[in-house]
Each structure stands twice: as structure tokens, then as C-alpha cells.
């Protein structure tokens, strides 16, 4: 695996020994092997850019050509995925880390992708990372799967940095409260899936198991009264994104649902139709759109002339026993 960045003045990726016009004022951004790099003029590389590489476990080191510096990708530490099915199994350290994850998801749904969270007892109520939770006024009819969040890729509406920071923190803790509330309401039928490296929680998502609501039955052709799983609140720490953490969380949730639900069973989630990165991720994981499902909340807001968020899609994965 290797990474390159295209920007003005960069050379093409390739073997360093064959990169033309290599000078001491360039830095090489590499992954896996210093022979495969992209050369960036130092004058165009901001400190914040280099820090972002460092945050993703890249390290600066000399290349074999002209003593230039190369940012080399180090080996990933292993992700450990665990399931929590009892609110009493959370400790304060984990709770703080989950709240921080959900805070970091504020205003990021459009770019990074995350399923929505449910507002009503028939579906789980926590959401984020790739999304934001807000309460009430969902415009639903009380008979379907719906979510309470979705601040899709906003810019804060011109609010000050201080107010945005406060909103993010409050959002994170409010979302955490929703997660804990689901555990209290559903007991063993609500799971929190955590991805950790050492003692650091780097990703999470929620899974609620229950009887499929009417709109899911109608859209999927499922048998009335059949069980299904709803995924919510998929969140990954910024420094650990694009490393397969989200895929591991989704796979673990699918395995947990398969083990706990009678066949045939469904696993579902809600995602904004404009969230292309998330749609690609879910497609790779075997999810398909239930084309006949109607986003009742979006439709109700549209009828009131209040459309401001993208219409959501219901994605479905049919679980094999």
C-alpha cells in the first residue's frame, strides 16, 4: 500500500532513482517502500500537512537520493474489536473516548460517511462519523426506521470557533447519552462495537436488534414480525480513518447480528444519498439500496418547505446463517 499526493510542482510517483529534477528542497511522501514516493517542494508543504502525515503514522526519513526526507508509512498496530452488550461494562475511560469520537464526527457526515441514528424506540438512537444527533421533530409517522441526526458536512453557519467547539463537545456527550440510553432500553438487544488499539478506542458503532418496522418490511419484502438489525453511530477517530477500521466494525456487527438473529435476517442502516464515500464503503460490505423505501422525515420537511438536508437511503444486507 502506498500513497501519493498531486499538487503543483510535484514529480510523478515512481522509483526515486528515476525521478527527474530531484533536489534537496523536496520532501518525499511514501508508504511502505521508499522506492515509491511523490516528491513535494518544501515551499509547498505546510507544517499542518506534515503533521497530518505524522498523525497517520508516517515518519520522516532520508531517501537514498540526494539525502532528501521521505515520509514513510509505518506498520499499523492491530485493531482489536470487542462487543459491549451491558451498560455496566462501560468504564469511565471508555466513555470519555467514545464521547471524543462522537464529538470529532460533528459536521463530517458528508465527507466521511456514517449511518444515521434512530429517534424512536423501534430503532437505535445514537449516531455519528460519520454524523450528528439532534433530537425530536423528525417528521416521521412513528411506524418506521428513522434517525435523529444528520448534520451533513455543515460549516457551522458562521458561528464563532468557541461556539462551534462548545456545540461539538455537547454533541459528543449528548450522543454518548443516547448510546447509554439504548443499552438501558434494549438491554442485551443493543450492542456497542468498539475498535481499539492498545487501550485507545479508535472506532465505534451501535447495533440494535428488534422486530422489523412496517416501512422496512414493505421496502425489503421481509416477513411481517421478522427480526432485523439497525446499525447506527459509526464513528472513527480522524487519525485512524482509511485504515480499514470502519470495515472491521461493520464486519463485526454483521457477525454479531448473524449469531443473534433467526434466519432469514436483515442488517440495515440509513445514509445520506449524497454521501458517496459512505455508499462505496457499504457497497463493498454487501449492502444494497431498498429503492422503494421513502425517507418520511425528509418528505415531511419538504412539504413544509424546510428541506435543508439530503434525502436518506435505506441500505440492506441480507445475512446468511
C-alpha atoms as a PDB file:
ATOM      1  CA  UNK A   1       0.000   0.000   0.000  1.00  0.00           C
ATOM      2  CA  UNK A   2       1.366   3.430  -0.878  1.00  0.00           C
ATOM      3  CA  UNK A   3       0.083   6.932  -1.106  1.00  0.00           C
ATOM      4  CA  UNK A   4       0.899   9.887  -3.270  1.00  0.00           C
ATOM      5  CA  UNK A   5      -0.311  13.459  -3.391  1.00  0.00           C
ATOM      6  CA  UNK A   6      -0.750  15.517  -6.530  1.00  0.00           C
ATOM      7  CA  UNK A   7      -0.002  19.213  -6.210  1.00  0.00           C
ATOM      8  CA  UNK A   8       1.757  21.921  -8.168  1.00  0.00           C
ATOM      9  CA  UNK A   9       5.431  21.208  -8.623  1.00  0.00           C
ATOM     10  CA  UNK A  10       5.383  17.543  -7.666  1.00  0.00           C
ATOM     11  CA  UNK A  11       7.085  14.830  -9.642  1.00  0.00           C
ATOM     12  CA  UNK A  12       5.265  11.696 -10.699  1.00  0.00           C
ATOM     13  CA  UNK A  13       5.213   8.771  -8.309  1.00  0.00           C
ATOM     14  CA  UNK A  14       7.820   6.166  -9.095  1.00  0.00           C
ATOM     15  CA  UNK A  15      11.237   4.850  -8.246  1.00  0.00           C
ATOM     16  CA  UNK A  16      13.334   7.552  -6.618  1.00  0.00           C
ATOM     17  CA  UNK A  17      16.293   6.630  -8.768  1.00  0.00           C
ATOM     18  CA  UNK A  18      14.281   7.574 -11.852  1.00  0.00           C
ATOM     19  CA  UNK A  19      12.545  10.727 -10.602  1.00  0.00           C
ATOM     20  CA  UNK A  20      13.926  13.683 -12.572  1.00  0.00           C
ATOM     21  CA  UNK A  21      14.846  17.057 -11.103  1.00  0.00           C
ATOM     22  CA  UNK A  22      15.137  15.765  -7.558  1.00  0.00           C
ATOM     23  CA  UNK A  23      16.544  18.475  -5.303  1.00  0.00           C
ATOM     24  CA  UNK A  24      17.367  18.970  -1.647  1.00  0.00           C
ATOM     25  CA  UNK A  25      14.404  21.302  -1.216  1.00  0.00           C
ATOM     26  CA  UNK A  26      11.939  18.481  -1.854  1.00  0.00           C
ATOM     27  CA  UNK A  27      10.312  16.088   0.575  1.00  0.00           C
ATOM     28  CA  UNK A  28       9.192  12.594  -0.442  1.00  0.00           C
ATOM     29  CA  UNK A  29       5.858  11.282   0.809  1.00  0.00           C
ATOM     30  CA  UNK A  30       5.991   7.497   0.726  1.00  0.00           C
ATOM     31  CA  UNK A  31       4.177   4.487   2.075  1.00  0.00           C
ATOM     32  CA  UNK A  32       5.510   1.012   2.576  1.00  0.00           C
ATOM     33  CA  UNK A  33       8.634   1.373   0.458  1.00  0.00           C
ATOM     34  CA  UNK A  34      10.794   4.454  -0.021  1.00  0.00           C
ATOM     35  CA  UNK A  35      11.183   3.493  -3.677  1.00  0.00           C
ATOM     36  CA  UNK A  36       7.574   4.573  -4.258  1.00  0.00           C
ATOM     37  CA  UNK A  37       7.130   8.205  -3.380  1.00  0.00           C
ATOM     38  CA  UNK A  38       5.901  11.563  -4.539  1.00  0.00           C
ATOM     39  CA  UNK A  39       8.268  14.499  -4.337  1.00  0.00           C
ATOM     40  CA  UNK A  40       6.862  17.710  -2.858  1.00  0.00           C
ATOM     41  CA  UNK A  41       8.754  21.015  -2.948  1.00  0.00           C
ATOM     42  CA  UNK A  42       9.221  22.044   0.681  1.00  0.00           C
ATOM     43  CA  UNK A  43       7.926  25.510  -0.128  1.00  0.00           C
ATOM     44  CA  UNK A  44       4.519  23.984  -0.902  1.00  0.00           C
ATOM     45  CA  UNK A  45       4.375  21.652   2.108  1.00  0.00           C
ATOM     46  CA  UNK A  46       2.778  23.289   5.111  1.00  0.00           C
ATOM     47  CA  UNK A  47       3.596  22.271   8.656  1.00  0.00           C
ATOM     48  CA  UNK A  48      -0.012  21.203   9.125  1.00  0.00           C
ATOM     49  CA  UNK A  49       0.306  18.882   6.131  1.00  0.00           C
ATOM     50  CA  UNK A  50       3.379  17.187   7.567  1.00  0.00           C
ATOM     51  CA  UNK A  51       1.631  16.889  10.922  1.00  0.00           C
ATOM     52  CA  UNK A  52      -1.282  15.110   9.256  1.00  0.00           C
ATOM     53  CA  UNK A  53       1.142  12.527   7.850  1.00  0.00           C
ATOM     54  CA  UNK A  54       2.694  12.120  11.280  1.00  0.00           C
ATOM     55  CA  UNK A  55      -0.757  11.627  12.823  1.00  0.00           C
ATOM     56  CA  UNK A  56      -1.340   8.760  10.375  1.00  0.00           C
ATOM     57  CA  UNK A  57       1.897   7.009  11.410  1.00  0.00           C
ATOM     58  CA  UNK A  58       4.076   8.369   8.624  1.00  0.00           C
ATOM     59  CA  UNK A  59       7.646   9.184   9.621  1.00  0.00           C
ATOM     60  CA  UNK A  60      10.242  11.446   8.026  1.00  0.00           C
ATOM     61  CA  UNK A  61      13.448   9.725   6.960  1.00  0.00           C
ATOM     62  CA  UNK A  62      16.219  10.321   4.397  1.00  0.00           C
ATOM     63  CA  UNK A  63      15.770   8.819   0.950  1.00  0.00           C
ATOM     64  CA  UNK A  64      18.582   7.175  -0.985  1.00  0.00           C
ATOM     65  CA  UNK A  65      18.724  10.065  -3.410  1.00  0.00           C
ATOM     66  CA  UNK A  66      20.288  13.436  -2.549  1.00  0.00           C
ATOM     67  CA  UNK A  67      19.578  12.952   1.152  1.00  0.00           C
ATOM     68  CA  UNK A  68      16.014  14.209   0.852  1.00  0.00           C
ATOM     69  CA  UNK A  69      13.461  13.472   3.532  1.00  0.00           C
ATOM     70  CA  UNK A  70      10.784  10.857   2.931  1.00  0.00           C
ATOM     71  CA  UNK A  71       7.610  10.361   4.937  1.00  0.00           C
ATOM     72  CA  UNK A  72       7.437   6.591   5.257  1.00  0.00           C
ATOM     73  CA  UNK A  73       4.324   4.768   6.400  1.00  0.00           C
ATOM     74  CA  UNK A  74       4.971   2.617   9.443  1.00  0.00           C
ATOM     75  CA  UNK A  75       3.338  -0.713  10.203  1.00  0.00           C
ATOM     76  CA  UNK A  76      -0.238  -0.497  11.515  1.00  0.00           C
ATOM     77  CA  UNK A  77      -0.861  -1.624  15.016  1.00  0.00           C
ATOM     78  CA  UNK A  78      -3.509  -4.325  15.178  1.00  0.00           C
ATOM     79  CA  UNK A  79      -7.122  -3.296  15.778  1.00  0.00           C
ATOM     80  CA  UNK A  80      -8.952  -5.241  18.465  1.00  0.00           C
ATOM     81  CA  UNK A  81     -12.729  -5.358  18.031  1.00  0.00           C
ATOM     82  CA  UNK A  82     -14.940  -6.006  21.056  1.00  0.00           C
ATOM     83  CA  UNK A  83     -18.677  -6.044  21.827  1.00  0.00           C
ATOM     84  CA  UNK A  84     -20.410  -4.444  24.806  1.00  0.00           C
ATOM     85  CA  UNK A  85     -23.950  -5.662  25.497  1.00  0.00           C
ATOM     86  CA  UNK A  86     -24.404  -4.323  29.035  1.00  0.00           C
ATOM     87  CA  UNK A  87     -24.246  -0.691  30.119  1.00  0.00           C
ATOM     88  CA  UNK A  88     -22.443  -1.808  33.293  1.00  0.00           C
ATOM     89  CA  UNK A  89     -19.473  -2.934  31.201  1.00  0.00           C
ATOM     90  CA  UNK A  90     -18.554   0.635  30.260  1.00  0.00           C
ATOM     91  CA  UNK A  91     -15.840   2.263  32.325  1.00  0.00           C
ATOM     92  CA  UNK A  92     -15.243   5.994  32.623  1.00  0.00           C
ATOM     93  CA  UNK A  93     -12.141   5.856  30.410  1.00  0.00           C
ATOM     94  CA  UNK A  94     -14.066   4.222  27.532  1.00  0.00           C
ATOM     95  CA  UNK A  95     -16.968   6.631  27.929  1.00  0.00           C
ATOM     96  CA  UNK A  96     -14.702   9.660  27.605  1.00  0.00           C
ATOM     97  CA  UNK A  97     -13.061   8.221  24.490  1.00  0.00           C
ATOM     98  CA  UNK A  98     -16.407   7.424  22.848  1.00  0.00           C
ATOM     99  CA  UNK A  99     -17.649  10.947  23.591  1.00  0.00           C
ATOM    100  CA  UNK A 100     -14.494  12.333  21.964  1.00  0.00           C
ATOM    101  CA  UNK A 101     -15.080  10.134  18.895  1.00  0.00           C
ATOM    102  CA  UNK A 102     -18.633  11.374  18.518  1.00  0.00           C
ATOM    103  CA  UNK A 103     -17.551  14.988  19.041  1.00  0.00           C
ATOM    104  CA  UNK A 104     -14.993  14.615  16.246  1.00  0.00           C
ATOM    105  CA  UNK A 105     -17.812  13.433  13.974  1.00  0.00           C
ATOM    106  CA  UNK A 106     -19.590  16.794  14.243  1.00  0.00           C
ATOM    107  CA  UNK A 107     -20.225  18.267  10.751  1.00  0.00           C
ATOM    108  CA  UNK A 108     -18.435  15.387   8.997  1.00  0.00           C
ATOM    109  CA  UNK A 109     -21.144  13.114   7.651  1.00  0.00           C
ATOM    110  CA  UNK A 110     -20.942  14.410   4.086  1.00  0.00           C
ATOM    111  CA  UNK A 111     -17.223  13.746   3.714  1.00  0.00           C
ATOM    112  CA  UNK A 112     -16.545  10.564   5.632  1.00  0.00           C
ATOM    113  CA  UNK A 113     -19.710   8.573   5.793  1.00  0.00           C
ATOM    114  CA  UNK A 114     -21.730   7.174   8.637  1.00  0.00           C
ATOM    115  CA  UNK A 115     -25.143   5.686   9.144  1.00  0.00           C
ATOM    116  CA  UNK A 116     -27.881   7.649  10.860  1.00  0.00           C
ATOM    117  CA  UNK A 117     -29.245   7.201  14.331  1.00  0.00           C
ATOM    118  CA  UNK A 118     -32.826   6.470  15.215  1.00  0.00           C
ATOM    119  CA  UNK A 119     -35.139   8.782  17.109  1.00  0.00           C
ATOM    120  CA  UNK A 120     -37.758   6.360  18.193  1.00  0.00           C
ATOM    121  CA  UNK A 121     -37.696   3.179  20.301  1.00  0.00           C
ATOM    122  CA  UNK A 122     -38.127   0.990  17.209  1.00  0.00           C
ATOM    123  CA  UNK A 123     -34.604   1.855  16.098  1.00  0.00           C
ATOM    124  CA  UNK A 124     -31.368   2.787  17.804  1.00  0.00           C
ATOM    125  CA  UNK A 125     -30.848   6.424  18.757  1.00  0.00           C
ATOM    126  CA  UNK A 126     -27.130   7.116  18.666  1.00  0.00           C
ATOM    127  CA  UNK A 127     -25.225   8.357  15.667  1.00  0.00           C
ATOM    128  CA  UNK A 128     -22.043   9.862  14.388  1.00  0.00           C
ATOM    129  CA  UNK A 129     -18.594   9.532  11.988  1.00  0.00           C
ATOM    130  CA  UNK A 130     -19.535   9.911  10.202  1.00  0.00           C
ATOM    131  CA  UNK A 131     -22.805  12.027  11.645  1.00  0.00           C
ATOM    132  CA  UNK A 132     -24.552  14.156  14.161  1.00  0.00           C
ATOM    133  CA  UNK A 133     -27.505  13.571  16.509  1.00  0.00           C
ATOM    134  CA  UNK A 134     -30.197  16.074  17.218  1.00  0.00           C
ATOM    135  CA  UNK A 135     -33.448  15.396  18.956  1.00  0.00           C
ATOM    136  CA  UNK A 136     -37.109  15.446  18.094  1.00  0.00           C
ATOM    137  CA  UNK A 137     -39.177  16.860  15.228  1.00  0.00           C
ATOM    138  CA  UNK A 138     -38.308  14.101  12.810  1.00  0.00           C
ATOM    139  CA  UNK A 139     -41.466  14.339  10.792  1.00  0.00           C
ATOM    140  CA  UNK A 140     -41.917  10.573  10.933  1.00  0.00           C
ATOM    141  CA  UNK A 141     -45.152   8.689  11.336  1.00  0.00           C
ATOM    142  CA  UNK A 142     -43.984   6.549  14.246  1.00  0.00           C
ATOM    143  CA  UNK A 143     -44.084   3.345  12.210  1.00  0.00           C
ATOM    144  CA  UNK A 144     -40.691   3.245  10.546  1.00  0.00           C
ATOM    145  CA  UNK A 145     -36.965   3.277  10.840  1.00  0.00           C
ATOM    146  CA  UNK A 146     -35.704   6.841  11.201  1.00  0.00           C
ATOM    147  CA  UNK A 147     -32.815   8.754  12.690  1.00  0.00           C
ATOM    148  CA  UNK A 148     -32.369  11.757  14.890  1.00  0.00           C
ATOM    149  CA  UNK A 149     -29.265  13.112  13.423  1.00  0.00           C
ATOM    150  CA  UNK A 150     -27.661  14.208  10.282  1.00  0.00           C
ATOM    151  CA  UNK A 151     -25.703  17.416  10.364  1.00  0.00           C
ATOM    152  CA  UNK A 152     -24.331  16.742   6.887  1.00  0.00           C
ATOM    153  CA  UNK A 153     -20.997  18.366   6.162  1.00  0.00           C
ATOM    154  CA  UNK A 154     -22.006  21.754   7.553  1.00  0.00           C
ATOM    155  CA  UNK A 155     -19.704  24.694   8.132  1.00  0.00           C
ATOM    156  CA  UNK A 156     -21.168  25.931  11.370  1.00  0.00           C
ATOM    157  CA  UNK A 157     -23.359  28.584   9.817  1.00  0.00           C
ATOM    158  CA  UNK A 158     -20.886  31.358  10.539  1.00  0.00           C
ATOM    159  CA  UNK A 159     -20.793  30.735  14.266  1.00  0.00           C
ATOM    160  CA  UNK A 160     -17.651  31.519  16.249  1.00  0.00           C
ATOM    161  CA  UNK A 161     -14.929  28.957  16.872  1.00  0.00           C
ATOM    162  CA  UNK A 162     -15.812  28.963  20.564  1.00  0.00           C
ATOM    163  CA  UNK A 163     -19.488  28.262  19.945  1.00  0.00           C
ATOM    164  CA  UNK A 164     -18.613  25.517  17.437  1.00  0.00           C
ATOM    165  CA  UNK A 165     -16.262  23.897  19.942  1.00  0.00           C
ATOM    166  CA  UNK A 166     -18.969  24.037  22.597  1.00  0.00           C
ATOM    167  CA  UNK A 167     -21.504  22.563  20.166  1.00  0.00           C
ATOM    168  CA  UNK A 168     -19.120  19.732  19.258  1.00  0.00           C
ATOM    169  CA  UNK A 169     -18.475  18.860  22.897  1.00  0.00           C
ATOM    170  CA  UNK A 170     -22.167  18.973  23.769  1.00  0.00           C
ATOM    171  CA  UNK A 171     -22.956  16.905  20.690  1.00  0.00           C
ATOM    172  CA  UNK A 172     -20.433  14.264  21.699  1.00  0.00           C
ATOM    173  CA  UNK A 173     -21.789  13.900  25.210  1.00  0.00           C
ATOM    174  CA  UNK A 174     -25.419  14.040  24.061  1.00  0.00           C
ATOM    175  CA  UNK A 175     -24.651  11.281  21.554  1.00  0.00           C
ATOM    176  CA  UNK A 176     -22.949   9.253  24.288  1.00  0.00           C
ATOM    177  CA  UNK A 177     -26.029   9.655  26.479  1.00  0.00           C
ATOM    178  CA  UNK A 178     -28.132   8.327  23.582  1.00  0.00           C
ATOM    179  CA  UNK A 179     -25.828   5.295  23.312  1.00  0.00           C
ATOM    180  CA  UNK A 180     -26.190   4.543  27.025  1.00  0.00           C
ATOM    181  CA  UNK A 181     -29.952   5.081  26.832  1.00  0.00           C
ATOM    182  CA  UNK A 182     -30.202   2.454  24.095  1.00  0.00           C
ATOM    183  CA  UNK A 183     -28.402  -0.040  26.332  1.00  0.00           C
ATOM    184  CA  UNK A 184     -30.860   0.695  29.146  1.00  0.00           C
ATOM    185  CA  UNK A 185     -33.923   0.486  26.875  1.00  0.00           C
ATOM    186  CA  UNK A 186     -32.936  -2.582  24.864  1.00  0.00           C
ATOM    187  CA  UNK A 187     -30.734  -4.488  27.290  1.00  0.00           C
ATOM    188  CA  UNK A 188     -28.891  -7.319  25.531  1.00  0.00           C
ATOM    189  CA  UNK A 189     -30.575  -6.397  22.226  1.00  0.00           C
ATOM    190  CA  UNK A 190     -28.366  -3.328  21.833  1.00  0.00           C
ATOM    191  CA  UNK A 191     -24.624  -3.760  21.275  1.00  0.00           C
ATOM    192  CA  UNK A 192     -21.818  -1.252  21.074  1.00  0.00           C
ATOM    193  CA  UNK A 193     -18.973  -2.409  18.834  1.00  0.00           C
ATOM    194  CA  UNK A 194     -15.574  -0.915  19.691  1.00  0.00           C
ATOM    195  CA  UNK A 195     -12.303  -0.970  17.744  1.00  0.00           C
ATOM    196  CA  UNK A 196      -9.254  -0.401  19.935  1.00  0.00           C
ATOM    197  CA  UNK A 197      -5.503  -0.144  19.565  1.00  0.00           C
ATOM    198  CA  UNK A 198      -3.811  -0.930  22.854  1.00  0.00           C
ATOM    199  CA  UNK A 199      -6.123   0.888  25.299  1.00  0.00           C
ATOM    200  CA  UNK A 200      -7.236   3.587  22.857  1.00  0.00           C
ATOM    201  CA  UNK A 201     -10.746   3.395  21.363  1.00  0.00           C
ATOM    202  CA  UNK A 202     -10.382   4.392  17.690  1.00  0.00           C
ATOM    203  CA  UNK A 203     -13.810   3.447  16.337  1.00  0.00           C
ATOM    204  CA  UNK A 204     -17.330   2.534  17.415  1.00  0.00           C
ATOM    205  CA  UNK A 205     -20.800   1.763  16.122  1.00  0.00           C
ATOM    206  CA  UNK A 206     -24.130   0.681  17.543  1.00  0.00           C
ATOM    207  CA  UNK A 207     -26.264  -2.337  16.642  1.00  0.00           C
ATOM    208  CA  UNK A 208     -29.900  -2.712  17.727  1.00  0.00           C
ATOM    209  CA  UNK A 209     -31.752  -5.996  17.219  1.00  0.00           C
ATOM    210  CA  UNK A 210     -35.556  -5.928  17.092  1.00  0.00           C
ATOM    211  CA  UNK A 211     -38.678  -6.667  15.080  1.00  0.00           C
ATOM    212  CA  UNK A 212     -38.561  -5.010  11.664  1.00  0.00           C
ATOM    213  CA  UNK A 213     -40.841  -1.924  11.487  1.00  0.00           C
ATOM    214  CA  UNK A 214     -43.542  -1.628   8.843  1.00  0.00           C
ATOM    215  CA  UNK A 215     -41.561   0.516   6.407  1.00  0.00           C
ATOM    216  CA  UNK A 216     -38.604  -1.891   6.442  1.00  0.00           C
ATOM    217  CA  UNK A 217     -40.927  -4.859   5.876  1.00  0.00           C
ATOM    218  CA  UNK A 218     -42.614  -3.089   2.958  1.00  0.00           C
ATOM    219  CA  UNK A 219     -39.346  -1.981   1.350  1.00  0.00           C
ATOM    220  CA  UNK A 220     -37.476  -5.268   1.704  1.00  0.00           C
ATOM    221  CA  UNK A 221     -40.196  -7.879   1.362  1.00  0.00           C
ATOM    222  CA  UNK A 222     -39.303  -9.279   4.771  1.00  0.00           C
ATOM    223  CA  UNK A 223     -41.848 -11.405   6.584  1.00  0.00           C
ATOM    224  CA  UNK A 224     -44.071  -9.484   8.990  1.00  0.00           C
ATOM    225  CA  UNK A 225     -42.698  -9.913  12.501  1.00  0.00           C
ATOM    226  CA  UNK A 226     -39.217 -10.924  11.335  1.00  0.00           C
ATOM    227  CA  UNK A 227     -36.165  -9.690  13.207  1.00  0.00           C
ATOM    228  CA  UNK A 228     -33.648  -7.220  11.848  1.00  0.00           C
ATOM    229  CA  UNK A 229     -30.585  -5.264  12.914  1.00  0.00           C
ATOM    230  CA  UNK A 230     -30.142  -1.498  12.663  1.00  0.00           C
ATOM    231  CA  UNK A 231     -26.629  -0.043  12.539  1.00  0.00           C
ATOM    232  CA  UNK A 232     -26.116   3.433  13.988  1.00  0.00           C
ATOM    233  CA  UNK A 233     -23.380   5.782  15.104  1.00  0.00           C
ATOM    234  CA  UNK A 234     -20.421   4.517  13.089  1.00  0.00           C
ATOM    235  CA  UNK A 235     -17.527   6.753  14.147  1.00  0.00           C
ATOM    236  CA  UNK A 236     -13.775   6.514  13.515  1.00  0.00           C
ATOM    237  CA  UNK A 237     -11.103   8.754  15.036  1.00  0.00           C
ATOM    238  CA  UNK A 238      -9.718  11.178  12.403  1.00  0.00           C
ATOM    239  CA  UNK A 239      -6.150   9.876  12.709  1.00  0.00           C
ATOM    240  CA  UNK A 240      -7.273   6.286  12.025  1.00  0.00           C
ATOM    241  CA  UNK A 241      -9.562   6.757   9.044  1.00  0.00           C
ATOM    242  CA  UNK A 242      -8.935   4.992   5.730  1.00  0.00           C
ATOM    243  CA  UNK A 243      -7.187   2.154   7.547  1.00  0.00           C
ATOM    244  CA  UNK A 244      -9.997  -0.384   7.421  1.00  0.00           C
ATOM    245  CA  UNK A 245     -11.365   0.393  10.904  1.00  0.00           C
ATOM    246  CA  UNK A 246     -14.883   1.107   9.603  1.00  0.00           C
ATOM    247  CA  UNK A 247     -14.857  -2.131   7.583  1.00  0.00           C
ATOM    248  CA  UNK A 248     -13.819  -4.104  10.668  1.00  0.00           C
ATOM    249  CA  UNK A 249     -16.614  -2.538  12.714  1.00  0.00           C
ATOM    250  CA  UNK A 250     -19.188  -3.332  10.023  1.00  0.00           C
ATOM    251  CA  UNK A 251     -17.955  -6.913   9.697  1.00  0.00           C
ATOM    252  CA  UNK A 252     -18.064  -7.436  13.466  1.00  0.00           C
ATOM    253  CA  UNK A 253     -21.586  -6.004  13.648  1.00  0.00           C
ATOM    254  CA  UNK A 254     -22.728  -8.299  10.825  1.00  0.00           C
ATOM    255  CA  UNK A 255     -21.224 -11.328  12.575  1.00  0.00           C
ATOM    256  CA  UNK A 256     -22.914 -10.379  15.851  1.00  0.00           C
ATOM    257  CA  UNK A 257     -26.277  -9.931  14.123  1.00  0.00           C
ATOM    258  CA  UNK A 258     -25.928 -13.252  12.283  1.00  0.00           C
ATOM    259  CA  UNK A 259     -25.214 -15.061  15.558  1.00  0.00           C
ATOM    260  CA  UNK A 260     -28.147 -13.465  17.394  1.00  0.00           C
ATOM    261  CA  UNK A 261     -30.949 -13.189  14.822  1.00  0.00           C
ATOM    262  CA  UNK A 262     -33.034 -16.081  13.469  1.00  0.00           C
ATOM    263  CA  UNK A 263     -32.695 -16.651   9.733  1.00  0.00           C
ATOM    264  CA  UNK A 264     -33.553 -15.064   7.441  1.00  0.00           C
ATOM    265  CA  UNK A 265     -32.363 -11.789   8.942  1.00  0.00           C
ATOM    266  CA  UNK A 266     -31.598  -8.296   7.680  1.00  0.00           C
ATOM    267  CA  UNK A 267     -28.997  -5.726   8.651  1.00  0.00           C
ATOM    268  CA  UNK A 268     -29.895  -2.137   7.752  1.00  0.00           C
ATOM    269  CA  UNK A 269     -28.639   1.422   8.039  1.00  0.00           C
ATOM    270  CA  UNK A 270     -29.545   4.916   6.859  1.00  0.00           C
ATOM    271  CA  UNK A 271     -27.153   7.111   4.889  1.00  0.00           C
ATOM    272  CA  UNK A 272     -27.432  10.408   3.022  1.00  0.00           C
ATOM    273  CA  UNK A 273     -27.786   9.836  -0.726  1.00  0.00           C
ATOM    274  CA  UNK A 274     -25.049  12.450  -1.353  1.00  0.00           C
ATOM    275  CA  UNK A 275     -22.541  10.671   0.879  1.00  0.00           C
ATOM    276  CA  UNK A 276     -20.626   8.927  -1.897  1.00  0.00           C
ATOM    277  CA  UNK A 277     -17.644   7.723   0.198  1.00  0.00           C
ATOM    278  CA  UNK A 278     -20.003   6.039   2.655  1.00  0.00           C
ATOM    279  CA  UNK A 279     -22.055   4.494  -0.134  1.00  0.00           C
ATOM    280  CA  UNK A 280     -18.903   2.990  -1.657  1.00  0.00           C
ATOM    281  CA  UNK A 281     -17.887   1.593   1.729  1.00  0.00           C
ATOM    282  CA  UNK A 282     -21.276  -0.011   2.335  1.00  0.00           C
ATOM    283  CA  UNK A 283     -21.456  -1.392  -1.198  1.00  0.00           C
ATOM    284  CA  UNK A 284     -18.120  -3.131  -0.643  1.00  0.00           C
ATOM    285  CA  UNK A 285     -19.571  -4.637   2.528  1.00  0.00           C
ATOM    286  CA  UNK A 286     -22.528  -6.122   0.640  1.00  0.00           C
ATOM    287  CA  UNK A 287     -25.247  -3.526   1.320  1.00  0.00           C
ATOM    288  CA  UNK A 288     -27.844  -2.687  -1.326  1.00  0.00           C
ATOM    289  CA  UNK A 289     -30.367   0.128  -1.529  1.00  0.00           C
ATOM    290  CA  UNK A 290     -34.010  -0.658  -0.775  1.00  0.00           C
ATOM    291  CA  UNK A 291     -35.222   1.509  -3.648  1.00  0.00           C
ATOM    292  CA  UNK A 292     -38.882   1.641  -2.609  1.00  0.00           C
ATOM    293  CA  UNK A 293     -38.158   2.978   0.894  1.00  0.00           C
ATOM    294  CA  UNK A 294     -39.319   6.567   1.425  1.00  0.00           C
ATOM    295  CA  UNK A 295     -37.483   8.950   3.742  1.00  0.00           C
ATOM    296  CA  UNK A 296     -40.574  10.109   5.652  1.00  0.00           C
ATOM    297  CA  UNK A 297     -38.694  12.752   7.631  1.00  0.00           C
ATOM    298  CA  UNK A 298     -37.204  14.335   4.511  1.00  0.00           C
ATOM    299  CA  UNK A 299     -40.577  14.194   2.761  1.00  0.00           C
ATOM    300  CA  UNK A 300     -42.362  15.835   5.700  1.00  0.00           C
ATOM    301  CA  UNK A 301     -39.789  18.628   5.837  1.00  0.00           C
ATOM    302  CA  UNK A 302     -40.063  19.124   2.071  1.00  0.00           C
ATOM    303  CA  UNK A 303     -43.821  19.523   2.340  1.00  0.00           C
ATOM    304  CA  UNK A 304     -43.256  22.255   4.931  1.00  0.00           C
ATOM    305  CA  UNK A 305     -40.657  23.941   2.725  1.00  0.00           C
ATOM    306  CA  UNK A 306     -37.851  23.145   5.158  1.00  0.00           C
ATOM    307  CA  UNK A 307     -35.601  20.912   3.078  1.00  0.00           C
ATOM    308  CA  UNK A 308     -32.016  21.520   4.091  1.00  0.00           C
ATOM    309  CA  UNK A 309     -30.540  18.055   4.402  1.00  0.00           C
ATOM    310  CA  UNK A 310     -30.054  15.361   1.773  1.00  0.00           C
ATOM    311  CA  UNK A 311     -32.614  12.628   1.384  1.00  0.00           C
ATOM    312  CA  UNK A 312     -31.505   9.407   3.032  1.00  0.00           C
ATOM    313  CA  UNK A 313     -31.351   5.904   1.628  1.00  0.00           C
ATOM    314  CA  UNK A 314     -32.150   2.671   3.406  1.00  0.00           C
ATOM    315  CA  UNK A 315     -29.357   0.164   2.760  1.00  0.00           C
ATOM    316  CA  UNK A 316     -29.935  -3.518   3.433  1.00  0.00           C
ATOM    317  CA  UNK A 317     -27.654  -6.514   3.841  1.00  0.00           C
ATOM    318  CA  UNK A 318     -29.234  -9.966   3.900  1.00  0.00           C
ATOM    319  CA  UNK A 319     -27.449 -12.106   6.456  1.00  0.00           C
ATOM    320  CA  UNK A 320     -26.539 -15.699   5.727  1.00  0.00           C
ATOM    321  CA  UNK A 321     -26.790 -18.194   8.576  1.00  0.00           C
END
